[in-house]
Amino acid sequence: MSITMREPTTTTKSLTLKGLQKGKIGAFAGAIIGIASIAPAYTMTSGTGPAISVAGLQTPFILLVGSIPMLFVLMGYRELNQSMPDSGSTFTWSSRAFGPWIGWLGGWGLVASTALVLSNLAAVAVDFLFIALSQLFNAPEIADLTRNLWINIPVVALLTGLAAYVAYRGLEETKRLQYALVGLQGIALGWFVIAAIVKIANGDAYDYTPVSLDWFNPALLGENGFSFSVLMAGLSLSIFMFWGWDVILTMNEETKDPRRTPGRAALLTIGMIIVTYLVVSIVLLSFAGIGTTGLGTGNPDIQESLFAAIAPEIMGPFALLMSTAIFASSTAALQATLVSPSRTLQAMSHYGAVPKTFGRLSRYKTPGAATLWAATASVVFYVIMRIISEDALWDTITAMGIMVCFYYGITGLAAFWYFRGTWFVNLGNFFRRFLLPLLGGLSLLTMFGKTLYDSATDPDFGSGNMLFATTLADGSTEGGVGVVFVAGVVILGGGGLLMLIYSFVNPGFFRGKEIEVGSVLQETEMTPFMGDSHGPVREKQALQAD
């Protein structure tokens, strides 16, 4: 095998534009959509309880450490996007670095994880819709309506349909909606934090726990000192809480500067989310402690919706604002998150990796068909999880964490490998193209494997629901495999099967005829990209050839 240089042309002869709207999103608007996709108010009320159940007072440490692989992988995302701004993101970049088979699985991981979280977002939106209505009308029985599946599932489908309609209309509509919804989240979380601090200062905390540096001490992570399993379980949950910022990268062809805007918006998003999570989690633990009864954050009866339980104690009658904000947050994320799988599916269709049906554009120049398919898949998955799992929310969060670790890890390693010819050109390349993407990719794939293993063998993992377990005479159970493991294997295995089937239907993509495998081998003069006005490319490509 030898490496040869081809004549300078474009970034790659095979990556092309897909007919999407151009120049619609700047860095600030991109960050707002990224924050909306992460949905801090929704994510904290859904994810903080499970994180505390695993990590206790070390939850701030888990959240801080959980952001590190994200930041490392983000460096790889930025470099890949600057070289190849393509709405297929993980799918396209992994195909360029590793070939069509791994690229297809990376795209599937992104689409599957978003289908998982979309179902979760819709479920939380419905829960807090009824909670807000019960608080507004002072009728607690309204909140219980969400437990009626004949009411719950149709409302979930309705909210998902409305979110899909806004996404169908385009990023201008999305941007305007998200400004209002993200602003409401900021007001509610700020009010919650300030009110909690005032109560702590006045000696009115529920179970005051002094803030300590021990909360950031990894040696205390576990009942008997540091536990790697506890760290992995906590990190898997924190991945869920940070996931969503990469939606900005799938909008790159629609931004004002496709090479730079997405990376800047992603950095801004992650920075703001880290600060928000640390402040809110520290204040929450200090106010309520980790007791397992009443309003203690360790109480399993309230851990799925900590803010719903604790906000009335802190905010009084203004708890309605928090319930409304969480409803708005989950609704905003439901709508913003649809941007990512729809553009990935449309890109996969564009390059022949899935049927052309998924690539049809709407009259608004949006991936209309793919948006419809993503919304439908999320509702179907939600119905299935509600039927097979006693705790669909918790199991969906954990299963989604597995899928996110999978495709983020692949993308990190894709950046590492694609830029292998430029690792040591300068110090910046060493960190951005070699060390950080490598560490981020390996750590996330390690978390993927460990979480998958633990979810198969540990009855206490996720909700603790086990399938195919044997019921003993005393009523206890043994054996079986976890619902989370089954969901993860079915999703990944189903994707592999679909990939294999489609490789026979349309073998062109899988033979490398649509996206060539290649790498950047050296820095050269700037050249145009894809014949449009998006700006220059910093590298010319060289492909490996025999």
Protein backbone atom coordinates (compact mmCIF):
# COMPACT_ATOMS: atom_id res chain seq x y z
CA MET A 1 0.00 0.00 0.00
CA SER A 2 1.44 3.37 -0.98
CA ILE A 3 0.12 6.88 -0.60
CA THR A 4 -0.18 9.03 -3.68
CA MET A 5 -1.30 12.60 -4.20
CA ARG A 6 -4.03 13.38 -6.69
CA GLU A 7 -4.36 16.57 -8.66
CA PRO A 8 -5.89 19.37 -6.54
CA THR A 9 -9.64 19.51 -7.08
CA THR A 10 -12.24 20.06 -4.39
CA THR A 11 -12.58 18.81 -0.84
CA THR A 12 -14.01 15.62 -2.28
CA LYS A 13 -15.53 14.92 -5.64
CA SER A 14 -18.46 13.10 -4.04
CA LEU A 15 -19.85 15.43 -1.33
CA THR A 16 -22.53 17.73 -2.71
CA LEU A 17 -25.24 20.09 -1.53
CA LYS A 18 -28.74 18.69 -1.02
CA GLY A 19 -31.07 21.54 -1.85
CA LEU A 20 -31.59 22.77 1.73
CA GLN A 21 -32.08 26.45 2.59
CA LYS A 22 -28.85 28.46 2.84
CA GLY A 23 -27.73 31.17 5.23
CA LYS A 24 -30.57 30.87 7.75
CA ILE A 25 -28.69 30.33 11.03
CA GLY A 26 -25.92 32.30 12.76
CA ALA A 27 -23.80 31.27 15.76
CA PHE A 28 -26.18 32.69 18.39
CA ALA A 29 -29.30 31.21 16.79
CA GLY A 30 -27.44 27.92 16.41
CA ALA A 31 -26.56 27.94 20.10
CA ILE A 32 -30.20 28.62 21.02
CA ILE A 33 -31.34 25.66 18.92
CA GLY A 34 -28.56 23.56 20.47
CA ILE A 35 -29.68 24.51 23.99
CA ALA A 36 -33.28 23.81 23.02
CA SER A 37 -32.26 20.35 21.83
CA ILE A 38 -30.45 19.62 25.10
CA ALA A 39 -33.45 21.12 26.94
CA PRO A 40 -31.87 21.90 30.34
CA ALA A 41 -35.14 22.22 32.28
CA TYR A 42 -36.50 18.94 30.93
CA THR A 43 -33.15 17.15 31.08
CA MET A 44 -32.46 18.11 34.67
CA THR A 45 -35.86 17.03 35.92
CA SER A 46 -35.56 13.71 34.02
CA GLY A 47 -31.86 13.01 34.47
CA THR A 48 -30.79 14.54 37.79
CA GLY A 49 -32.79 12.05 39.86
CA PRO A 50 -31.31 8.96 38.16
CA ALA A 51 -27.83 10.55 38.39
CA ILE A 52 -28.27 11.18 42.12
CA SER A 53 -29.51 7.62 42.62
CA VAL A 54 -26.17 6.44 41.21
CA ALA A 55 -23.69 9.08 42.36
CA GLY A 56 -25.31 10.77 45.40
CA LEU A 57 -23.46 13.90 46.47
CA GLN A 58 -20.87 13.24 43.76
CA THR A 59 -23.46 14.13 41.10
CA PRO A 60 -21.78 17.49 40.31
CA PHE A 61 -18.55 15.58 39.74
CA ILE A 62 -20.31 13.14 37.41
CA LEU A 63 -21.84 16.03 35.43
CA LEU A 64 -18.50 17.80 35.17
CA VAL A 65 -16.62 14.66 34.10
CA GLY A 66 -19.43 13.75 31.71
CA SER A 67 -18.82 16.99 29.82
CA ILE A 68 -15.15 16.16 29.17
CA PRO A 69 -15.65 13.41 26.54
CA MET A 70 -18.20 15.70 24.91
CA LEU A 71 -15.69 18.54 24.66
CA PHE A 72 -13.01 16.19 23.33
CA VAL A 73 -15.32 14.79 20.66
CA LEU A 74 -16.51 18.32 19.88
CA MET A 75 -12.96 19.18 18.77
CA GLY A 76 -13.17 16.37 16.23
CA TYR A 77 -16.61 17.49 15.09
CA ARG A 78 -15.29 21.03 14.51
CA GLU A 79 -12.34 19.84 12.46
CA LEU A 80 -14.47 17.50 10.36
CA ASN A 81 -17.07 20.20 9.79
CA GLN A 82 -14.45 22.74 8.69
CA SER A 83 -13.09 20.26 6.19
CA MET A 84 -16.42 18.72 5.06
CA PRO A 85 -19.52 20.76 5.99
CA ASP A 86 -22.17 18.16 5.17
CA SER A 87 -25.61 17.74 6.74
CA GLY A 88 -24.97 14.00 7.04
CA SER A 89 -22.40 14.78 9.79
CA THR A 90 -21.58 11.48 11.57
CA PHE A 91 -22.79 9.37 8.64
CA THR A 92 -20.84 11.27 6.00
CA TRP A 93 -17.66 11.77 8.01
CA SER A 94 -17.49 8.17 9.22
CA SER A 95 -18.03 6.96 5.66
CA ARG A 96 -15.13 9.13 4.48
CA ALA A 97 -12.85 7.94 7.28
CA PHE A 98 -13.76 4.25 7.69
CA GLY A 99 -15.87 3.30 4.70
CA PRO A 100 -19.58 2.87 3.97
CA TRP A 101 -20.38 0.09 6.45
CA ILE A 102 -19.19 1.88 9.57
CA GLY A 103 -20.52 5.16 8.18
CA TRP A 104 -23.98 3.63 7.78
CA LEU A 105 -23.94 2.30 11.36
CA GLY A 106 -22.83 5.70 12.64
CA GLY A 107 -25.76 7.34 10.87
CA TRP A 108 -28.09 4.67 12.23
CA GLY A 109 -26.81 5.33 15.76
CA LEU A 110 -27.68 9.01 15.42
CA VAL A 111 -31.12 8.35 13.97
CA ALA A 112 -31.95 5.63 16.53
CA SER A 113 -30.84 7.68 19.53
CA THR A 114 -32.94 10.63 18.41
CA ALA A 115 -35.97 8.35 17.95
CA LEU A 116 -35.42 7.17 21.54
CA VAL A 117 -35.14 10.64 22.99
CA LEU A 118 -38.02 12.01 20.94
CA SER A 119 -40.34 9.48 22.57
CA ASN A 120 -38.97 10.45 25.96
CA LEU A 121 -39.37 14.16 25.28
CA ALA A 122 -42.98 13.72 24.24
CA ALA A 123 -43.69 11.67 27.38
CA VAL A 124 -42.24 14.30 29.71
CA ALA A 125 -44.04 17.07 27.84
CA VAL A 126 -47.36 15.31 28.42
CA ASP A 127 -46.58 14.67 32.09
CA PHE A 128 -45.83 18.32 32.76
CA LEU A 129 -48.69 19.54 30.64
CA PHE A 130 -51.08 17.78 33.01
CA ILE A 131 -49.08 18.84 36.07
CA ALA A 132 -49.24 22.49 34.97
CA LEU A 133 -52.99 22.20 34.33
CA SER A 134 -53.54 20.63 37.75
CA GLN A 135 -51.64 23.49 39.40
CA LEU A 136 -53.44 26.11 37.34
CA PHE A 137 -56.90 24.79 38.22
CA ASN A 138 -55.92 23.52 41.69
CA ALA A 139 -57.17 20.05 40.74
CA PRO A 140 -54.57 17.34 41.59
CA GLU A 141 -56.60 14.67 39.81
CA ILE A 142 -55.74 16.26 36.45
CA ALA A 143 -52.07 15.32 36.94
CA ASP A 144 -53.08 11.65 37.20
CA LEU A 145 -54.55 11.67 33.69
CA THR A 146 -51.08 11.11 32.25
CA ARG A 147 -51.16 7.56 33.66
CA ASN A 148 -54.12 6.70 31.46
CA LEU A 149 -52.53 5.34 28.27
CA TRP A 150 -55.71 6.02 26.27
CA ILE A 151 -55.17 9.70 27.03
CA ASN A 152 -51.38 9.74 27.24
CA ILE A 153 -50.52 8.13 23.91
CA PRO A 154 -52.84 10.27 21.73
CA VAL A 155 -51.53 13.47 23.37
CA VAL A 156 -47.94 12.28 22.83
CA ALA A 157 -48.75 11.68 19.16
CA LEU A 158 -50.41 15.12 18.87
CA LEU A 159 -47.42 16.97 20.39
CA THR A 160 -45.01 15.05 18.18
CA GLY A 161 -47.10 15.91 15.13
CA LEU A 162 -47.10 19.63 15.99
CA ALA A 163 -43.32 19.58 16.52
CA ALA A 164 -42.86 17.83 13.18
CA TYR A 165 -44.98 20.49 11.47
CA VAL A 166 -42.78 23.33 12.75
CA ALA A 167 -39.64 21.42 11.70
CA TYR A 168 -41.24 20.81 8.30
CA ARG A 169 -41.69 24.57 7.85
CA GLY A 170 -37.94 25.20 8.18
CA LEU A 171 -35.26 26.67 10.42
CA GLU A 172 -36.72 30.18 10.38
CA GLU A 173 -39.85 28.88 12.11
CA THR A 174 -37.73 26.74 14.43
CA LYS A 175 -35.54 29.69 15.38
CA ARG A 176 -38.43 31.98 16.27
CA LEU A 177 -40.11 29.32 18.40
CA GLN A 178 -36.92 28.41 20.25
CA TYR A 179 -36.06 31.98 21.25
CA ALA A 180 -39.27 32.11 23.28
CA LEU A 181 -39.09 28.60 24.74
CA VAL A 182 -35.41 28.73 25.72
CA GLY A 183 -35.97 32.16 27.29
CA LEU A 184 -38.77 30.74 29.43
CA GLN A 185 -36.48 27.94 30.63
CA GLY A 186 -33.82 30.44 31.61
CA ILE A 187 -36.28 32.51 33.65
CA ALA A 188 -37.68 29.45 35.46
CA LEU A 189 -34.28 27.92 36.31
CA GLY A 190 -32.92 31.29 37.42
CA TRP A 191 -35.94 31.83 39.67
CA PHE A 192 -35.56 28.32 41.13
CA VAL A 193 -31.86 28.83 41.94
CA ILE A 194 -32.31 32.29 43.49
CA ALA A 195 -35.34 31.21 45.56
CA ALA A 196 -33.47 28.12 46.82
CA ILE A 197 -30.42 30.17 47.81
CA VAL A 198 -32.63 32.63 49.71
CA LYS A 199 -34.30 29.78 51.62
CA ILE A 200 -30.90 28.22 52.42
CA ALA A 201 -29.60 31.58 53.66
CA ASN A 202 -32.71 32.03 55.85
CA GLY A 203 -32.37 28.54 57.35
CA ASP A 204 -35.51 27.27 55.57
CA ALA A 205 -33.90 24.52 53.48
CA TYR A 206 -35.64 21.15 53.54
CA ASP A 207 -32.46 19.21 54.45
CA TYR A 208 -29.57 21.64 54.33
CA THR A 209 -26.32 19.99 53.19
CA PRO A 210 -23.24 22.24 53.16
CA VAL A 211 -21.53 22.46 49.79
CA SER A 212 -18.19 20.65 49.94
CA LEU A 213 -15.24 19.96 47.66
CA ASP A 214 -15.88 16.30 48.49
CA TRP A 215 -18.75 16.50 46.00
CA PHE A 216 -16.02 16.55 43.34
CA ASN A 217 -13.93 13.76 44.91
CA PRO A 218 -13.95 10.61 42.73
CA ALA A 219 -12.64 8.50 45.63
CA LEU A 220 -16.08 8.82 47.25
CA LEU A 221 -17.92 7.57 44.17
CA GLY A 222 -19.46 4.36 45.52
CA GLU A 223 -20.57 2.91 48.84
CA ASN A 224 -17.12 1.54 49.65
CA GLY A 225 -14.95 4.01 47.82
CA PHE A 226 -14.35 4.49 44.12
CA SER A 227 -16.40 2.18 41.89
CA PHE A 228 -15.76 1.97 38.15
CA SER A 229 -19.24 0.58 37.53
CA VAL A 230 -20.80 3.51 39.39
CA LEU A 231 -18.65 5.90 37.35
CA MET A 232 -19.75 4.30 34.08
CA ALA A 233 -23.43 4.28 35.06
CA GLY A 234 -23.23 7.91 36.16
CA LEU A 235 -21.39 8.95 33.01
CA SER A 236 -23.95 7.17 30.85
CA LEU A 237 -26.66 9.27 32.47
CA SER A 238 -24.61 12.45 32.14
CA ILE A 239 -24.15 11.71 28.43
CA PHE A 240 -27.94 11.81 28.15
CA MET A 241 -27.95 15.18 29.90
CA PHE A 242 -25.40 16.73 27.54
CA TRP A 243 -26.57 15.07 24.36
CA GLY A 244 -28.13 17.19 21.62
CA TRP A 245 -25.55 19.87 20.86
CA ASP A 246 -24.56 18.08 17.63
CA VAL A 247 -27.90 19.08 16.08
CA ILE A 248 -26.03 22.27 15.17
CA LEU A 249 -23.63 20.30 12.97
CA THR A 250 -26.45 18.72 10.96
CA MET A 251 -27.62 22.26 10.08
CA ASN A 252 -24.23 23.24 8.65
CA GLU A 253 -25.42 23.55 5.05
CA GLU A 254 -28.10 25.98 6.25
CA THR A 255 -25.88 28.24 8.38
CA LYS A 256 -24.39 31.59 7.37
CA ASP A 257 -20.84 30.18 7.47
CA PRO A 258 -21.01 26.38 7.20
CA ARG A 259 -17.37 25.86 8.18
CA ARG A 260 -17.18 28.02 11.28
CA THR A 261 -20.68 28.81 12.57
CA PRO A 262 -21.61 25.26 13.71
CA GLY A 263 -18.40 24.80 15.73
CA ARG A 264 -18.75 28.19 17.43
CA ALA A 265 -22.40 27.54 18.24
CA ALA A 266 -21.59 24.08 19.65
CA LEU A 267 -18.87 25.45 21.96
CA LEU A 268 -21.19 28.19 23.18
CA THR A 269 -23.93 25.63 23.81
CA ILE A 270 -21.75 23.24 25.83
CA GLY A 271 -20.24 26.06 27.90
CA MET A 272 -23.64 27.46 28.89
CA ILE A 273 -25.03 24.00 29.70
CA ILE A 274 -22.07 23.04 31.93
CA VAL A 275 -22.50 26.19 34.02
CA THR A 276 -26.29 25.68 34.26
CA TYR A 277 -26.02 22.04 35.34
CA LEU A 278 -23.36 22.64 37.97
CA VAL A 279 -25.15 25.60 39.54
CA VAL A 280 -28.59 23.97 39.63
CA SER A 281 -27.38 20.56 40.86
CA ILE A 282 -25.25 22.07 43.65
CA VAL A 283 -28.10 24.30 44.85
CA LEU A 284 -30.57 21.40 44.64
CA LEU A 285 -28.38 19.05 46.70
CA SER A 286 -27.64 21.74 49.25
CA PHE A 287 -31.33 22.55 49.69
CA ALA A 288 -32.81 19.05 49.76
CA GLY A 289 -29.94 16.68 50.58
CA ILE A 290 -29.91 13.07 49.43
CA GLY A 291 -32.34 11.58 51.91
CA THR A 292 -34.54 8.75 50.69
CA THR A 293 -37.83 10.05 52.10
CA GLY A 294 -39.97 13.14 51.60
CA LEU A 295 -38.31 15.76 49.40
CA GLY A 296 -34.84 14.22 49.70
CA THR A 297 -33.32 13.88 46.25
CA GLY A 298 -32.56 10.23 47.04
CA ASN A 299 -36.26 9.42 47.37
CA PRO A 300 -37.01 6.98 44.50
CA ASP A 301 -40.66 8.10 44.46
CA ILE A 302 -39.73 11.59 43.23
CA GLN A 303 -36.49 11.00 41.35
CA GLU A 304 -38.13 10.84 37.94
CA SER A 305 -39.47 14.38 38.34
CA LEU A 306 -37.45 16.13 41.02
CA PHE A 307 -38.50 19.62 40.01
CA ALA A 308 -42.18 18.72 40.06
CA ALA A 309 -41.80 17.60 43.68
CA ILE A 310 -39.36 20.20 45.00
CA ALA A 311 -40.31 23.36 43.07
CA PRO A 312 -43.50 24.00 45.13
CA GLU A 313 -41.41 23.93 48.33
CA ILE A 314 -38.92 26.43 46.89
CA MET A 315 -41.03 28.61 44.61
CA GLY A 316 -44.43 28.43 46.30
CA PRO A 317 -47.30 29.34 43.96
CA PHE A 318 -44.76 30.24 41.27
CA ALA A 319 -43.98 26.52 40.90
CA LEU A 320 -46.45 26.76 38.02
CA LEU A 321 -43.71 28.64 36.19
CA MET A 322 -41.34 25.68 36.58
CA SER A 323 -43.96 23.16 35.42
CA THR A 324 -44.74 25.36 32.43
CA ALA A 325 -41.03 25.75 31.67
CA ILE A 326 -40.44 21.99 31.76
CA PHE A 327 -43.39 21.46 29.44
CA ALA A 328 -41.99 24.18 27.17
CA SER A 329 -38.49 22.71 27.45
CA SER A 330 -39.50 19.19 26.45
CA THR A 331 -41.71 20.56 23.67
CA ALA A 332 -38.87 22.78 22.43
CA ALA A 333 -36.45 19.85 22.48
CA LEU A 334 -39.00 17.64 20.73
CA GLN A 335 -39.17 20.15 17.90
CA ALA A 336 -35.45 21.04 17.75
CA THR A 337 -34.30 17.43 17.97
CA LEU A 338 -36.31 16.52 14.86
CA VAL A 339 -33.84 18.65 12.88
CA SER A 340 -31.02 16.14 13.37
CA PRO A 341 -32.42 12.75 12.26
CA SER A 342 -34.33 14.29 9.37
CA ARG A 343 -31.18 15.82 7.88
CA THR A 344 -29.15 12.68 8.51
CA LEU A 345 -31.77 10.52 6.81
CA GLN A 346 -31.99 12.96 3.92
CA ALA A 347 -28.20 12.89 3.50
CA MET A 348 -28.16 9.08 3.65
CA SER A 349 -30.81 9.04 0.93
CA HIS A 350 -28.90 11.62 -1.11
CA TYR A 351 -25.84 9.35 -1.17
CA GLY A 352 -27.83 6.19 -1.82
CA ALA A 353 -27.51 4.61 1.63
CA VAL A 354 -31.29 4.46 2.24
CA PRO A 355 -34.29 4.64 -0.13
CA LYS A 356 -34.80 7.84 -2.11
CA THR A 357 -38.13 8.34 -0.32
CA PHE A 358 -36.28 9.72 2.70
CA GLY A 359 -34.61 12.38 0.59
CA ARG A 360 -37.69 14.19 -0.68
CA LEU A 361 -37.68 17.91 0.09
CA SER A 362 -40.74 19.91 1.07
CA ARG A 363 -41.74 23.12 -0.68
CA TYR A 364 -39.92 24.92 2.17
CA LYS A 365 -36.64 23.23 1.14
CA THR A 366 -36.63 21.06 4.27
CA PRO A 367 -36.31 17.25 4.49
CA GLY A 368 -40.06 16.84 4.77
CA ALA A 369 -40.31 13.07 4.20
CA ALA A 370 -37.48 12.29 6.65
CA THR A 371 -39.08 14.54 9.28
CA LEU A 372 -42.33 12.60 8.99
CA TRP A 373 -40.55 9.26 9.26
CA ALA A 374 -38.55 10.35 12.33
CA ALA A 375 -41.66 11.60 14.11
CA THR A 376 -43.59 8.42 13.33
CA ALA A 377 -40.75 6.18 14.51
CA SER A 378 -40.53 8.02 17.83
CA VAL A 379 -44.25 7.55 18.53
CA VAL A 380 -44.08 3.84 17.64
CA PHE A 381 -41.08 3.32 19.89
CA TYR A 382 -42.80 5.16 22.73
CA VAL A 383 -45.83 2.90 22.51
CA ILE A 384 -43.62 -0.21 22.53
CA MET A 385 -41.61 0.95 25.56
CA ARG A 386 -44.76 1.82 27.51
CA ILE A 387 -46.02 -1.71 26.90
CA ILE A 388 -42.86 -3.70 27.76
CA SER A 389 -41.36 -1.51 30.50
CA GLU A 390 -42.78 -0.61 33.88
CA ASP A 391 -40.49 2.41 33.86
CA ALA A 392 -40.29 3.54 30.25
CA LEU A 393 -38.78 6.94 31.10
CA TRP A 394 -35.77 5.58 32.99
CA ASP A 395 -35.09 2.73 30.56
CA THR A 396 -35.39 5.01 27.53
CA ILE A 397 -32.87 7.45 29.03
CA THR A 398 -30.36 4.67 29.63
CA ALA A 399 -30.88 3.00 26.24
CA MET A 400 -30.43 6.37 24.54
CA GLY A 401 -27.17 6.88 26.46
CA ILE A 402 -25.88 3.61 24.99
CA MET A 403 -26.67 4.73 21.43
CA VAL A 404 -25.20 8.20 21.92
CA CYS A 405 -21.92 6.76 23.24
CA PHE A 406 -21.84 4.53 20.15
CA TYR A 407 -22.20 7.18 17.46
CA TYR A 408 -20.28 9.94 19.28
CA GLY A 409 -17.43 7.48 19.80
CA ILE A 410 -17.39 6.57 16.11
CA THR A 411 -17.35 10.26 15.12
CA GLY A 412 -14.47 11.03 17.50
CA LEU A 413 -12.38 8.21 16.04
CA ALA A 414 -13.39 9.24 12.51
CA ALA A 415 -11.84 12.67 13.12
CA PHE A 416 -8.73 11.07 14.60
CA TRP A 417 -8.26 8.76 11.61
CA TYR A 418 -9.34 11.08 8.82
CA PHE A 419 -6.74 13.70 9.76
CA ARG A 420 -3.92 11.20 10.39
CA GLY A 421 -1.67 12.82 7.78
CA THR A 422 -1.74 16.17 9.63
CA TRP A 423 -1.41 15.09 13.30
CA PHE A 424 2.01 16.57 13.85
CA VAL A 425 1.99 19.53 11.46
CA ASN A 426 1.62 21.88 14.44
CA LEU A 427 0.66 21.86 18.11
CA GLY A 428 -2.97 22.76 17.41
CA ASN A 429 -3.37 19.78 15.09
CA PHE A 430 -1.84 17.48 17.71
CA PHE A 431 -4.60 18.35 20.17
CA ARG A 432 -7.57 18.98 17.86
CA ARG A 433 -6.99 16.17 15.37
CA PHE A 434 -5.04 13.57 17.31
CA LEU A 435 -5.20 13.55 21.09
CA LEU A 436 -8.63 14.97 21.99
CA PRO A 437 -10.74 13.14 19.34
CA LEU A 438 -8.87 9.90 20.14
CA LEU A 439 -9.44 10.19 23.89
CA GLY A 440 -13.05 11.29 23.43
CA GLY A 441 -13.86 8.50 20.98
CA LEU A 442 -12.19 5.76 23.03
CA SER A 443 -13.77 6.89 26.31
CA LEU A 444 -17.26 6.99 24.81
CA LEU A 445 -16.92 3.60 23.14
CA THR A 446 -15.63 2.20 26.45
CA MET A 447 -18.71 3.58 28.15
CA PHE A 448 -20.83 2.04 25.40
CA GLY A 449 -19.39 -1.43 26.00
CA LYS A 450 -19.43 -1.24 29.80
CA THR A 451 -22.98 0.10 29.96
CA LEU A 452 -24.19 -2.57 27.54
CA TYR A 453 -22.57 -5.28 29.68
CA ASP A 454 -23.92 -3.91 32.97
CA SER A 455 -27.40 -3.49 31.56
CA ALA A 456 -27.41 -7.17 30.60
CA THR A 457 -26.21 -8.62 33.90
CA ASP A 458 -27.19 -6.23 36.69
CA PRO A 459 -30.86 -6.28 37.83
CA ASP A 460 -30.36 -2.89 39.47
CA PHE A 461 -29.34 -1.23 36.22
CA GLY A 462 -31.84 1.23 34.73
CA SER A 463 -35.28 0.58 36.17
CA GLY A 464 -34.28 -2.93 37.22
CA ASN A 465 -36.82 -4.52 34.87
CA MET A 466 -35.59 -7.92 33.68
CA LEU A 467 -36.98 -9.94 30.79
CA PHE A 468 -37.02 -13.75 30.73
CA ALA A 469 -36.29 -13.93 34.47
CA THR A 470 -37.30 -16.93 36.62
CA THR A 471 -39.73 -16.25 39.47
CA LEU A 472 -38.81 -18.14 42.65
CA ALA A 473 -41.14 -19.51 45.33
CA ASP A 474 -40.54 -16.52 47.61
CA GLY A 475 -41.60 -14.11 44.85
CA SER A 476 -38.08 -12.96 44.00
CA THR A 477 -36.56 -13.39 40.56
CA GLU A 478 -33.25 -14.55 39.19
CA GLY A 479 -31.59 -14.59 35.81
CA GLY A 480 -32.96 -12.79 32.82
CA VAL A 481 -31.60 -9.81 30.91
CA GLY A 482 -32.33 -6.14 31.41
CA VAL A 483 -34.87 -4.23 29.33
CA VAL A 484 -32.18 -1.64 28.55
CA PHE A 485 -29.85 -4.31 27.17
CA VAL A 486 -32.62 -5.84 25.06
CA ALA A 487 -33.54 -2.41 23.68
CA GLY A 488 -29.90 -1.64 22.85
CA VAL A 489 -29.26 -4.98 21.15
CA VAL A 490 -32.53 -4.90 19.20
CA ILE A 491 -31.85 -1.35 17.98
CA LEU A 492 -28.25 -2.03 16.96
CA GLY A 493 -29.01 -5.49 15.58
CA GLY A 494 -32.02 -4.16 13.70
CA GLY A 495 -29.87 -1.46 12.17
CA GLY A 496 -27.27 -4.01 11.10
CA LEU A 497 -29.97 -6.16 9.51
CA LEU A 498 -31.47 -3.20 7.63
CA MET A 499 -28.00 -2.23 6.42
CA LEU A 500 -27.34 -5.76 5.16
CA ILE A 501 -30.68 -5.93 3.36
CA TYR A 502 -30.23 -2.56 1.67
CA SER A 503 -26.70 -3.46 0.59
CA PHE A 504 -28.33 -6.00 -1.76
CA VAL A 505 -31.07 -3.59 -2.88
CA ASN A 506 -28.69 -0.73 -3.72
CA PRO A 507 -25.07 -1.91 -3.55
CA GLY A 508 -23.54 1.24 -5.06
CA PHE A 509 -23.09 3.09 -1.79
CA PHE A 510 -21.67 0.03 -0.01
CA ARG A 511 -19.10 -0.42 -2.78
CA GLY A 512 -17.77 3.09 -2.20
CA LYS A 513 -19.22 4.58 -5.38
CA GLU A 514 -21.02 7.47 -3.62
CA ILE A 515 -18.58 8.55 -0.86
CA GLU A 516 -14.91 7.76 -1.34
CA VAL A 517 -12.81 6.67 1.61
CA GLY A 518 -9.99 9.15 2.11
CA SER A 519 -7.93 11.26 4.47
CA VAL A 520 -6.22 14.64 4.73
CA LEU A 521 -2.50 14.12 4.27
CA GLN A 522 -1.13 17.64 4.21
CA GLU A 523 -2.04 21.31 4.48
CA THR A 524 -2.08 23.09 1.10
CA GLU A 525 -3.50 26.10 -0.67
CA MET A 526 -7.16 26.99 -0.20
CA THR A 527 -9.58 25.76 -2.84
CA PRO A 528 -13.32 26.28 -3.42
CA PHE A 529 -15.81 23.82 -2.00
CA MET A 530 -18.66 22.20 -3.90
CA GLY A 531 -18.83 25.08 -6.36
CA ASP A 532 -20.81 27.35 -4.02
CA SER A 533 -20.03 30.46 -2.00
CA HIS A 534 -19.69 28.78 1.37
CA GLY A 535 -16.04 29.72 1.64
CA PRO A 536 -12.63 28.11 1.21
CA VAL A 537 -11.33 24.74 2.21
CA ARG A 538 -8.12 24.57 4.20
CA GLU A 539 -6.97 21.22 2.90
CA LYS A 540 -6.89 19.52 -0.40
CA GLN A 541 -7.64 15.85 -0.09
CA ALA A 542 -5.39 12.94 -0.90
CA LEU A 543 -6.81 9.45 -1.05
CA GLN A 544 -5.03 6.22 -0.24
CA ALA A 545 -4.43 4.15 -3.32
CA ASP A 546 -2.62 0.94 -4.13
